[in-house]
C-alpha atoms as a PDB file:
ATOM      1  CA  MET A   1      24.517   3.852  -0.511  1.00  0.00           C
ATOM      2  CA  THR A   2      21.977   1.064  -0.909  1.00  0.00           C
ATOM      3  CA  ARG A   3      20.923  -0.273  -4.314  1.00  0.00           C
ATOM      4  CA  ILE A   4      17.120  -0.096  -4.372  1.00  0.00           C
ATOM      5  CA  ALA A   5      14.603  -0.984  -7.064  1.00  0.00           C
ATOM      6  CA  VAL A   6      10.980   0.126  -6.902  1.00  0.00           C
ATOM      7  CA  LEU A   7       8.512  -2.011  -8.842  1.00  0.00           C
ATOM      8  CA  GLY A   8       5.532   0.176  -9.712  1.00  0.00           C
ATOM      9  CA  PRO A   9       6.337   3.929  -9.575  1.00  0.00           C
ATOM     10  CA  GLY A  10       2.719   5.046  -9.148  1.00  0.00           C
ATOM     11  CA  GLY A  11       1.624   7.267  -6.281  1.00  0.00           C
ATOM     12  CA  VAL A  12       3.098   5.262  -3.400  1.00  0.00           C
ATOM     13  CA  GLY A  13       5.973   3.768  -5.376  1.00  0.00           C
ATOM     14  CA  GLY A  14       6.918   7.065  -6.973  1.00  0.00           C
ATOM     15  CA  VAL A  15       6.859   8.919  -3.650  1.00  0.00           C
ATOM     16  CA  MET A  16       8.989   6.238  -1.980  1.00  0.00           C
ATOM     17  CA  ALA A  17      11.437   6.201  -4.917  1.00  0.00           C
ATOM     18  CA  ALA A  18      11.825   9.968  -4.579  1.00  0.00           C
ATOM     19  CA  ARG A  19      12.236   9.794  -0.811  1.00  0.00           C
ATOM     20  CA  LEU A  20      14.835   7.032  -0.982  1.00  0.00           C
ATOM     21  CA  GLN A  21      16.805   8.819  -3.715  1.00  0.00           C
ATOM     22  CA  ARG A  22      16.730  12.060  -1.722  1.00  0.00           C
ATOM     23  CA  ALA A  23      18.173  10.076   1.184  1.00  0.00           C
ATOM     24  CA  GLY A  24      21.221   9.276  -0.922  1.00  0.00           C
ATOM     25  CA  HIS A  25      20.488   5.810  -2.281  1.00  0.00           C
ATOM     26  CA  GLU A  26      20.857   4.445  -5.804  1.00  0.00           C
ATOM     27  CA  VAL A  27      17.280   3.975  -7.016  1.00  0.00           C
ATOM     28  CA  THR A  28      15.931   2.295 -10.140  1.00  0.00           C
ATOM     29  CA  VAL A  29      12.221   2.235 -10.922  1.00  0.00           C
ATOM     30  CA  ILE A  30      10.795  -0.757 -12.770  1.00  0.00           C
ATOM     31  CA  ALA A  31       7.668  -0.011 -14.785  1.00  0.00           C
ATOM     32  CA  SER A  32       5.851  -0.704 -18.034  1.00  0.00           C
ATOM     33  CA  GLU A  33       7.768   0.053 -21.206  1.00  0.00           C
ATOM     34  CA  ARG A  34       5.926   3.336 -21.748  1.00  0.00           C
ATOM     35  CA  THR A  35       6.206   4.580 -18.164  1.00  0.00           C
ATOM     36  CA  ALA A  36       9.888   3.597 -18.015  1.00  0.00           C
ATOM     37  CA  ALA A  37      10.527   5.544 -21.224  1.00  0.00           C
ATOM     38  CA  VAL A  38       8.709   8.608 -19.887  1.00  0.00           C
ATOM     39  CA  ILE A  39      10.746   8.628 -16.660  1.00  0.00           C
ATOM     40  CA  ALA A  40      14.030   7.795 -18.395  1.00  0.00           C
ATOM     41  CA  SER A  41      13.600  10.718 -20.804  1.00  0.00           C
ATOM     42  CA  GLY A  42      11.806  13.239 -18.601  1.00  0.00           C
ATOM     43  CA  GLY A  43      12.677  12.325 -15.022  1.00  0.00           C
ATOM     44  CA  LEU A  44      10.626  11.531 -11.915  1.00  0.00           C
ATOM     45  CA  HIS A  45       9.061  14.751 -10.645  1.00  0.00           C
ATOM     46  CA  TYR A  46       7.753  14.766  -7.094  1.00  0.00           C
ATOM     47  CA  THR A  47       5.942  16.967  -4.624  1.00  0.00           C
ATOM     48  CA  LEU A  48       6.442  16.169  -0.933  1.00  0.00           C
ATOM     49  CA  PRO A  49       5.636  18.116   2.230  1.00  0.00           C
ATOM     50  CA  GLU A  50       9.375  18.882   2.327  1.00  0.00           C
ATOM     51  CA  GLY A  51       9.392  20.358  -1.169  1.00  0.00           C
ATOM     52  CA  SER A  52       9.278  19.566  -4.874  1.00  0.00           C
ATOM     53  CA  GLY A  53      11.929  18.499  -7.337  1.00  0.00           C
ATOM     54  CA  GLU A  54      13.187  15.883  -9.714  1.00  0.00           C
ATOM     55  CA  ALA A  55      14.548  12.609  -8.340  1.00  0.00           C
ATOM     56  CA  SER A  56      17.641  11.289 -10.062  1.00  0.00           C
ATOM     57  CA  VAL A  57      16.506   7.718 -10.656  1.00  0.00           C
ATOM     58  CA  GLU A  58      17.062   5.221 -13.430  1.00  0.00           C
ATOM     59  CA  ALA A  59      14.032   3.716 -15.148  1.00  0.00           C
ATOM     60  CA  ARG A  60      13.817   0.266 -16.690  1.00  0.00           C
ATOM     61  CA  SER A  61      11.079  -2.077 -17.851  1.00  0.00           C
ATOM     62  CA  LEU A  62      13.038  -5.088 -16.549  1.00  0.00           C
ATOM     63  CA  LEU A  63      15.347  -5.580 -13.580  1.00  0.00           C
ATOM     64  CA  ALA A  64      18.680  -6.598 -15.099  1.00  0.00           C
ATOM     65  CA  GLU A  65      21.031  -6.778 -12.108  1.00  0.00           C
ATOM     66  CA  PRO A  66      20.848  -7.645  -8.400  1.00  0.00           C
ATOM     67  CA  VAL A  67      19.733  -5.038  -5.858  1.00  0.00           C
ATOM     68  CA  ASP A  68      19.878  -4.870  -2.079  1.00  0.00           C
ATOM     69  CA  VAL A  69      16.218  -3.955  -1.646  1.00  0.00           C
ATOM     70  CA  LEU A  70      13.194  -4.344  -3.910  1.00  0.00           C
ATOM     71  CA  VAL A  71      10.158  -2.256  -2.961  1.00  0.00           C
ATOM     72  CA  VAL A  72       6.976  -3.638  -4.533  1.00  0.00           C
ATOM     73  CA  ALA A  73       4.328  -0.935  -4.882  1.00  0.00           C
ATOM     74  CA  THR A  74       1.898  -2.254  -7.474  1.00  0.00           C
ATOM     75  CA  LYS A  75      -1.835  -2.571  -6.961  1.00  0.00           C
ATOM     76  CA  ALA A  76      -2.713  -5.955  -5.465  1.00  0.00           C
ATOM     77  CA  MET A  77      -4.426  -7.159  -8.644  1.00  0.00           C
ATOM     78  CA  ASP A  78      -1.377  -6.205 -10.739  1.00  0.00           C
ATOM     79  CA  LEU A  79       1.168  -8.056  -8.611  1.00  0.00           C
ATOM     80  CA  LEU A  80       1.279 -11.315 -10.558  1.00  0.00           C
ATOM     81  CA  SER A  81       1.685  -9.675 -13.960  1.00  0.00           C
ATOM     82  CA  ALA A  82       4.314  -7.239 -12.642  1.00  0.00           C
ATOM     83  CA  LEU A  83       6.554  -9.966 -11.207  1.00  0.00           C
ATOM     84  CA  HIS A  84       7.817 -10.961 -14.659  1.00  0.00           C
ATOM     85  CA  ARG A  85       9.750  -7.674 -14.650  1.00  0.00           C
ATOM     86  CA  VAL A  86      11.889  -8.768 -11.666  1.00  0.00           C
ATOM     87  CA  PRO A  87      13.476 -12.200 -12.315  1.00  0.00           C
ATOM     88  CA  ALA A  88      13.598 -14.346  -9.182  1.00  0.00           C
ATOM     89  CA  GLY A  89      17.144 -15.419 -10.040  1.00  0.00           C
ATOM     90  CA  LEU A  90      18.378 -11.866  -9.397  1.00  0.00           C
ATOM     91  CA  LEU A  91      16.770 -11.602  -5.972  1.00  0.00           C
ATOM     92  CA  GLY A  92      18.704 -14.121  -3.906  1.00  0.00           C
ATOM     93  CA  GLY A  93      19.260 -12.476  -0.534  1.00  0.00           C
ATOM     94  CA  THR A  94      17.410  -9.310  -1.572  1.00  0.00           C
ATOM     95  CA  ALA A  95      15.067  -7.731   0.969  1.00  0.00           C
ATOM     96  CA  VAL A  96      11.732  -7.619  -0.869  1.00  0.00           C
ATOM     97  CA  VAL A  97       9.366  -5.096   0.697  1.00  0.00           C
ATOM     98  CA  PRO A  98       5.774  -5.180  -0.573  1.00  0.00           C
ATOM     99  CA  LEU A  99       3.785  -2.039   0.211  1.00  0.00           C
ATOM    100  CA  LEU A 100       0.486  -3.533  -0.928  1.00  0.00           C
ATOM    101  CA  ASN A 101      -2.950  -3.534   0.602  1.00  0.00           C
ATOM    102  CA  GLY A 102      -4.249  -6.768   2.076  1.00  0.00           C
ATOM    103  CA  ILE A 103      -2.787  -9.818   3.748  1.00  0.00           C
ATOM    104  CA  ASP A 104      -2.138 -12.657   1.307  1.00  0.00           C
ATOM    105  CA  HIS A 105       0.584 -11.059  -0.833  1.00  0.00           C
ATOM    106  CA  VAL A 106       3.366 -11.762   1.688  1.00  0.00           C
ATOM    107  CA  ALA A 107       2.894 -15.548   1.571  1.00  0.00           C
ATOM    108  CA  PHE A 108       2.452 -15.353  -2.199  1.00  0.00           C
ATOM    109  CA  LEU A 109       5.727 -13.491  -2.695  1.00  0.00           C
ATOM    110  CA  ARG A 110       7.603 -15.904  -0.438  1.00  0.00           C
ATOM    111  CA  ALA A 111       6.383 -18.772  -2.603  1.00  0.00           C
ATOM    112  CA  GLN A 112       7.259 -16.959  -5.843  1.00  0.00           C
ATOM    113  CA  LEU A 113      10.661 -15.656  -4.657  1.00  0.00           C
ATOM    114  CA  PRO A 114      12.076 -18.408  -2.427  1.00  0.00           C
ATOM    115  CA  GLY A 115      15.595 -16.925  -2.409  1.00  0.00           C
ATOM    116  CA  ALA A 116      14.483 -13.480  -1.268  1.00  0.00           C
ATOM    117  CA  ASP A 117      13.885 -12.115   2.217  1.00  0.00           C
ATOM    118  CA  VAL A 118      10.274 -10.940   2.002  1.00  0.00           C
ATOM    119  CA  VAL A 119       9.554  -8.335   4.672  1.00  0.00           C
ATOM    120  CA  ALA A 120       5.990  -7.759   5.870  1.00  0.00           C
ATOM    121  CA  SER A 121       5.552  -3.992   5.747  1.00  0.00           C
ATOM    122  CA  THR A 122       2.798  -1.442   5.240  1.00  0.00           C
ATOM    123  CA  ILE A 123       2.518   2.238   4.459  1.00  0.00           C
ATOM    124  CA  SER A 124      -0.200   4.724   5.297  1.00  0.00           C
ATOM    125  CA  VAL A 125       0.059   7.740   3.009  1.00  0.00           C
ATOM    126  CA  GLU A 126      -2.176   9.625   0.609  1.00  0.00           C
ATOM    127  CA  ALA A 127      -0.183   9.733  -2.606  1.00  0.00           C
ATOM    128  CA  THR A 128      -1.191  10.353  -6.214  1.00  0.00           C
ATOM    129  CA  ARG A 129       0.363   9.791  -9.609  1.00  0.00           C
ATOM    130  CA  HIS A 130      -0.882  12.691 -11.715  1.00  0.00           C
ATOM    131  CA  ARG A 131       0.645  11.157 -14.831  1.00  0.00           C
ATOM    132  CA  PRO A 132       3.628   8.899 -15.534  1.00  0.00           C
ATOM    133  CA  GLY A 133       6.674  10.435 -13.902  1.00  0.00           C
ATOM    134  CA  VAL A 134       4.758  13.011 -11.818  1.00  0.00           C
ATOM    135  CA  VAL A 135       3.805  12.052  -8.250  1.00  0.00           C
ATOM    136  CA  GLU A 136       2.602  13.887  -5.163  1.00  0.00           C
ATOM    137  CA  GLN A 137       2.371  13.060  -1.484  1.00  0.00           C
ATOM    138  CA  VAL A 138      -0.954  14.652  -0.629  1.00  0.00           C
ATOM    139  CA  SER A 139      -0.976  13.866   3.084  1.00  0.00           C
ATOM    140  CA  GLY A 140       1.388  15.302   5.621  1.00  0.00           C
ATOM    141  CA  PHE A 141       2.187  11.825   6.911  1.00  0.00           C
ATOM    142  CA  ALA A 142       3.970   8.771   5.541  1.00  0.00           C
ATOM    143  CA  ASP A 143       3.673   6.091   8.223  1.00  0.00           C
ATOM    144  CA  VAL A 144       5.492   2.809   7.655  1.00  0.00           C
ATOM    145  CA  GLY A 145       4.910  -0.355   9.651  1.00  0.00           C
ATOM    146  CA  VAL A 146       7.559  -3.086   9.605  1.00  0.00           C
ATOM    147  CA  SER A 147       7.654  -6.628  10.931  1.00  0.00           C
ATOM    148  CA  LEU A 148      10.984  -7.656  12.431  1.00  0.00           C
ATOM    149  CA  ALA A 149      10.227 -11.340  11.876  1.00  0.00           C
ATOM    150  CA  SER A 150      12.666 -11.461   8.959  1.00  0.00           C
ATOM    151  CA  ASP A 151      16.279 -10.290   8.835  1.00  0.00           C
ATOM    152  CA  GLY A 152      15.512  -7.601   6.281  1.00  0.00           C
ATOM    153  CA  GLY A 153      12.935  -5.922   8.499  1.00  0.00           C
ATOM    154  CA  ARG A 154      15.385  -3.940  10.594  1.00  0.00           C
ATOM    155  CA  ARG A 155      17.294  -2.831   7.513  1.00  0.00           C
ATOM    156  CA  TRP A 156      14.115  -1.649   5.810  1.00  0.00           C
ATOM    157  CA  ALA A 157      12.992   0.183   8.952  1.00  0.00           C
ATOM    158  CA  GLU A 158      16.269   2.127   8.944  1.00  0.00           C
ATOM    159  CA  LEU A 159      15.957   2.971   5.249  1.00  0.00           C
ATOM    160  CA  ALA A 160      12.350   4.151   5.599  1.00  0.00           C
ATOM    161  CA  GLU A 161      13.173   6.285   8.631  1.00  0.00           C
ATOM    162  CA  GLY A 162      16.157   7.771   6.825  1.00  0.00           C
ATOM    163  CA  ALA A 163      13.837   8.635   3.943  1.00  0.00           C
ATOM    164  CA  GLY A 164      11.648  10.743   6.215  1.00  0.00           C
ATOM    165  CA  CYS A 165       8.909   8.267   7.062  1.00  0.00           C
ATOM    166  CA  SER A 166       7.514   7.678  10.535  1.00  0.00           C
ATOM    167  CA  VAL A 167       8.332   4.036  11.296  1.00  0.00           C
ATOM    168  CA  THR A 168       6.695   1.615  13.732  1.00  0.00           C
ATOM    169  CA  THR A 169       8.176  -1.859  14.196  1.00  0.00           C
ATOM    170  CA  VAL A 170       6.390  -4.942  15.511  1.00  0.00           C
ATOM    171  CA  PRO A 171       7.757  -8.445  16.139  1.00  0.00           C
ATOM    172  CA  ASP A 172       5.476 -10.402  13.795  1.00  0.00           C
ATOM    173  CA  ASP A 173       3.916 -10.288  10.324  1.00  0.00           C
ATOM    174  CA  ALA A 174       0.251 -10.662  11.292  1.00  0.00           C
ATOM    175  CA  THR A 175       0.271  -7.611  13.545  1.00  0.00           C
ATOM    176  CA  VAL A 176       1.697  -5.208  10.983  1.00  0.00           C
ATOM    177  CA  LEU A 177      -0.623  -6.430   8.202  1.00  0.00           C
ATOM    178  CA  TRP A 178      -3.859  -6.565  10.217  1.00  0.00           C
ATOM    179  CA  ARG A 179      -3.265  -3.235  11.950  1.00  0.00           C
ATOM    180  CA  LYS A 180      -3.194  -1.598   8.528  1.00  0.00           C
ATOM    181  CA  LEU A 181      -6.137  -3.548   7.110  1.00  0.00           C
ATOM    182  CA  SER A 182      -8.351  -2.997  10.157  1.00  0.00           C
ATOM    183  CA  PHE A 183      -8.064   0.756   9.542  1.00  0.00           C
ATOM    184  CA  LEU A 184      -7.905   0.840   5.746  1.00  0.00           C
ATOM    185  CA  GLY A 185     -10.741  -1.632   5.207  1.00  0.00           C
ATOM    186  CA  PRO A 186     -13.462   0.454   6.881  1.00  0.00           C
ATOM    187  CA  LEU A 187     -12.144   3.659   5.271  1.00  0.00           C
ATOM    188  CA  ALA A 188     -12.064   2.190   1.771  1.00  0.00           C
ATOM    189  CA  LEU A 189     -15.395   0.406   2.026  1.00  0.00           C
ATOM    190  CA  LEU A 190     -17.205   3.380   3.601  1.00  0.00           C
ATOM    191  CA  THR A 191     -15.996   5.994   1.124  1.00  0.00           C
ATOM    192  CA  THR A 192     -16.303   3.818  -1.974  1.00  0.00           C
ATOM    193  CA  SER A 193     -19.747   2.441  -1.168  1.00  0.00           C
ATOM    194  CA  ALA A 194     -20.885   6.064  -0.701  1.00  0.00           C
ATOM    195  CA  MET A 195     -18.744   7.280  -3.643  1.00  0.00           C
ATOM    196  CA  VAL A 196     -17.765  10.431  -1.718  1.00  0.00           C
ATOM    197  CA  PRO A 197     -14.891  11.568   0.550  1.00  0.00           C
ATOM    198  CA  VAL A 198     -14.856  10.466   4.163  1.00  0.00           C
ATOM    199  CA  GLY A 199     -16.610  13.488   5.681  1.00  0.00           C
ATOM    200  CA  GLU A 200     -19.602  13.294   3.353  1.00  0.00           C
ATOM    201  CA  ALA A 201     -19.668   9.487   3.649  1.00  0.00           C
ATOM    202  CA  LEU A 202     -19.938   9.732   7.440  1.00  0.00           C
ATOM    203  CA  SER A 203     -22.845  12.144   7.065  1.00  0.00           C
ATOM    204  CA  SER A 204     -24.712  10.222   4.377  1.00  0.00           C
ATOM    205  CA  HIS A 205     -24.102   6.765   5.917  1.00  0.00           C
ATOM    206  CA  PRO A 206     -24.006   7.485   9.678  1.00  0.00           C
ATOM    207  CA  ASP A 207     -24.618   3.888  10.767  1.00  0.00           C
ATOM    208  CA  LEU A 208     -22.115   2.138   8.474  1.00  0.00           C
ATOM    209  CA  LEU A 209     -18.722   2.950   9.967  1.00  0.00           C
ATOM    210  CA  ARG A 210     -19.183   1.263  13.347  1.00  0.00           C
ATOM    211  CA  PRO A 211     -20.068  -2.218  12.034  1.00  0.00           C
ATOM    212  CA  LEU A 212     -17.306  -2.036   9.419  1.00  0.00           C
ATOM    213  CA  VAL A 213     -14.768  -1.202  12.121  1.00  0.00           C
ATOM    214  CA  GLU A 214     -16.052  -3.928  14.445  1.00  0.00           C
ATOM    215  CA  GLU A 215     -15.932  -6.569  11.703  1.00  0.00           C
ATOM    216  CA  ALA A 216     -12.381  -5.623  10.716  1.00  0.00           C
ATOM    217  CA  ALA A 217     -11.263  -5.801  14.354  1.00  0.00           C
ATOM    218  CA  ALA A 218     -12.974  -9.170  14.828  1.00  0.00           C
ATOM    219  CA  ALA A 219     -11.262 -10.502  11.687  1.00  0.00           C
ATOM    220  CA  ALA A 220      -7.898  -9.359  13.029  1.00  0.00           C
ATOM    221  CA  GLY A 221      -8.680 -11.190  16.253  1.00  0.00           C
ATOM    222  CA  THR A 222      -8.999 -14.480  14.377  1.00  0.00           C
ATOM    223  CA  ALA A 223      -5.331 -14.041  13.443  1.00  0.00           C
ATOM    224  CA  GLY A 224      -4.374 -13.354  17.053  1.00  0.00           C
ATOM    225  CA  VAL A 225      -4.076  -9.591  16.545  1.00  0.00           C
ATOM    226  CA  ALA A 226      -5.787  -7.330  19.080  1.00  0.00           C
ATOM    227  CA  VAL A 227      -7.304  -4.217  17.490  1.00  0.00           C
ATOM    228  CA  ASP A 228      -9.008  -1.423  19.437  1.00  0.00           C
ATOM    229  CA  ALA A 229     -12.183  -0.861  17.402  1.00  0.00           C
ATOM    230  CA  GLU A 230     -13.168   2.277  19.323  1.00  0.00           C
ATOM    231  CA  ALA A 231      -9.759   3.856  18.750  1.00  0.00           C
ATOM    232  CA  ASN A 232      -9.908   3.026  15.041  1.00  0.00           C
ATOM    233  CA  GLU A 233     -13.372   4.537  14.743  1.00  0.00           C
ATOM    234  CA  ALA A 234     -12.258   7.706  16.521  1.00  0.00           C
ATOM    235  CA  ARG A 235      -9.235   7.976  14.244  1.00  0.00           C
ATOM    236  CA  LEU A 236     -11.369   7.515  11.123  1.00  0.00           C
ATOM    237  CA  ARG A 237     -13.836  10.165  12.285  1.00  0.00           C
ATOM    238  CA  SER A 238     -10.949  12.591  12.852  1.00  0.00           C
ATOM    239  CA  LEU A 239      -9.670  12.378   9.281  1.00  0.00           C
ATOM    240  CA  PRO A 240      -9.904  15.505   7.077  1.00  0.00           C
ATOM    241  CA  ALA A 241     -13.402  15.642   5.605  1.00  0.00           C
ATOM    242  CA  GLY A 242     -12.107  15.788   2.041  1.00  0.00           C
ATOM    243  CA  MET A 243      -9.864  12.745   2.310  1.00  0.00           C
ATOM    244  CA  GLN A 244     -10.439  10.057  -0.306  1.00  0.00           C
ATOM    245  CA  SER A 245      -9.345   6.454  -0.004  1.00  0.00           C
ATOM    246  CA  SER A 246      -7.262   5.035  -2.845  1.00  0.00           C
ATOM    247  CA  MET A 247     -10.161   2.682  -3.610  1.00  0.00           C
ATOM    248  CA  LEU A 248     -12.525   5.623  -4.023  1.00  0.00           C
ATOM    249  CA  LYS A 249     -10.063   7.384  -6.328  1.00  0.00           C
ATOM    250  CA  ASP A 250      -9.783   4.256  -8.474  1.00  0.00           C
ATOM    251  CA  ALA A 251     -13.564   3.805  -8.607  1.00  0.00           C
ATOM    252  CA  LEU A 252     -14.188   7.431  -9.593  1.00  0.00           C
ATOM    253  CA  ALA A 253     -11.544   7.161 -12.317  1.00  0.00           C
ATOM    254  CA  GLY A 254     -13.090   3.981 -13.706  1.00  0.00           C
ATOM    255  CA  ARG A 255     -10.125   1.823 -12.692  1.00  0.00           C
ATOM    256  CA  ALA A 256     -10.277  -1.629 -11.123  1.00  0.00           C
ATOM    257  CA  VAL A 257     -10.637  -1.585  -7.339  1.00  0.00           C
ATOM    258  CA  GLU A 258      -8.878  -3.754  -4.747  1.00  0.00           C
ATOM    259  CA  LEU A 259     -11.999  -5.335  -3.283  1.00  0.00           C
ATOM    260  CA  ASP A 260     -10.579  -8.828  -2.934  1.00  0.00           C
ATOM    261  CA  ALA A 261      -7.368  -7.655  -1.256  1.00  0.00           C
ATOM    262  CA  ILE A 262      -9.147  -5.320   1.178  1.00  0.00           C
ATOM    263  CA  ALA A 263     -12.509  -6.946   1.903  1.00  0.00           C
ATOM    264  CA  GLY A 264     -11.609 -10.554   1.111  1.00  0.00           C
ATOM    265  CA  PRO A 265      -9.572 -11.269   4.274  1.00  0.00           C
ATOM    266  CA  ILE A 266     -12.330  -9.858   6.497  1.00  0.00           C
ATOM    267  CA  ILE A 267     -15.059 -11.920   4.864  1.00  0.00           C
ATOM    268  CA  GLY A 268     -12.792 -14.966   4.756  1.00  0.00           C
ATOM    269  CA  ALA A 269     -12.044 -14.711   8.471  1.00  0.00           C
ATOM    270  CA  LEU A 270     -15.623 -14.163   9.650  1.00  0.00           C
ATOM    271  CA  GLY A 271     -17.757 -15.733   6.926  1.00  0.00           C
ATOM    272  CA  ARG A 272     -20.535 -13.856   5.168  1.00  0.00           C
ATOM    273  CA  ASP A 273     -22.864 -14.029   8.175  1.00  0.00           C
ATOM    274  CA  GLY A 274     -20.196 -12.606  10.458  1.00  0.00           C
ATOM    275  CA  ALA A 275     -19.225  -9.819   8.063  1.00  0.00           C
ATOM    276  CA  ARG A 276     -22.627  -8.533   7.006  1.00  0.00           C
ATOM    277  CA  ALA A 277     -21.672  -4.849   6.780  1.00  0.00           C
ATOM    278  CA  THR A 278     -18.552  -5.665   4.801  1.00  0.00           C
ATOM    279  CA  VAL A 279     -20.517  -7.884   2.414  1.00  0.00           C
ATOM    280  CA  GLU A 280     -23.162  -5.193   1.919  1.00  0.00           C
ATOM    281  CA  ALA A 281     -20.499  -2.581   1.201  1.00  0.00           C
ATOM    282  CA  VAL A 282     -18.821  -4.878  -1.322  1.00  0.00           C
ATOM    283  CA  SER A 283     -22.162  -5.537  -3.040  1.00  0.00           C
ATOM    284  CA  SER A 284     -22.806  -1.791  -3.253  1.00  0.00           C
ATOM    285  CA  ILE A 285     -19.367  -1.116  -4.722  1.00  0.00           C
ATOM    286  CA  LEU A 286     -19.688  -3.940  -7.241  1.00  0.00           C
ATOM    287  CA  ALA A 287     -23.041  -2.563  -8.405  1.00  0.00           C
ATOM    288  CA  ALA A 288     -21.661   0.977  -8.727  1.00  0.00           C
ATOM    289  CA  THR A 289     -18.542  -0.081 -10.622  1.00  0.00           C
ATOM    290  CA  ALA A 290     -20.095  -2.707 -12.910  1.00  0.00           C
END
């Protein structure tokens, strides 16, 4: 049994907490005072492709003892404020696994938690928190990418696979992070700039996907990561028509969106002139969510 804490039991964090607890591990979720109280008193209820139930997890607003693994599943813009709930002094030797969108959070966490083993990892899953303590994995897939550049990577890969995820390992951090972003970026920017699910967005904005995909692949190339733009485009076009990106869901609900985490690395790598479609999509989203 591995001692695991999950910081941020929203859609992704709640689903992973449930999966890891079902796999036989000791899981504690770390959340705001209100959410922790809701889960502590009412439980963490989940719906997965494998079935529904209640995960036997503890819930706290602060991490109070060391753990073997800390899964960080906050939104990118909430990361800094959430870190005060997990004291760095308790994380010496802990494998810290951020499942955030973007690129920069791995270096940030290594600077903030110098005693921890921060593992570059990603997850591709459509998951929703219906309300505090009630989460659902909407998609039939939960694909985890893991870099083996740190010692904790192999351990996390085993835990994720044991929890029912499909796991792909790569030897370096840049590859795992940019592979995810080069797919997620175009999906998020396309659907949210159109403010509709992917099928309708492809119909209403037929010429937008290709340049978004090409810019994301070119940005990955600046980091030494080869991305097949044509394969990514084909994969995006094959998605279920009703699929919504997490950014679109946040925008429709009036929540803050992860524009800096998702579009920022692409624009930063290529410059505004080299990322024209990405810049235009960001401008459209900013205008719609102002």
